[in-house]
C-alpha cells in the first residue's frame, strides 16, 4: 500500500526539533536547533501557539536564511493552534498545527519534509491529517 508519506528506503527522517515558548523566552533554543542542523522547528507555544517577539523574530530569520520549516503548535492540553488568528502565518510562512499537539506535530513535520518544504503544502497536510 502506497501512502503520501512513503519513506521506504530512507535511512532516517529529517531532523525536527521542538522549541518551548514561555514568558520571556529568548532565541537560545531556536539558535541551538539551527546549529544542530534542524530542517524543521515546531514551536510549543502558549494559548494559540503564541511565542515571544524575540523567538518569533529568530524563527523568521532561520526560515529566511536557513530555509527551516516552522510549525506553530500549542502546549495547552485541549487548545488548538488556528491559522489566521493572532499570528500572521501567511506573512511568516509558518504552518499552524490546528489540533495536533507538539509531539505529533514533530512526527508529521518529519514525514512532510520527506516530500516538500513548501509551507503551504505542509499547512495542507496539517489541516488534512
Foldseek 3Di string as FASTA:
>chain_A
DDDPLDPPPDPDFAAEEEAEADPPDACVVVVVCVVVRHQEYEYQYAALLDHDPRNLVSVLCCCVPVVRAYEGAHPDPQHFNDAPDPDPCVVSLHAYQGRDHRVVLRVLVRSVVVPDSRSVVSNVVSVVD
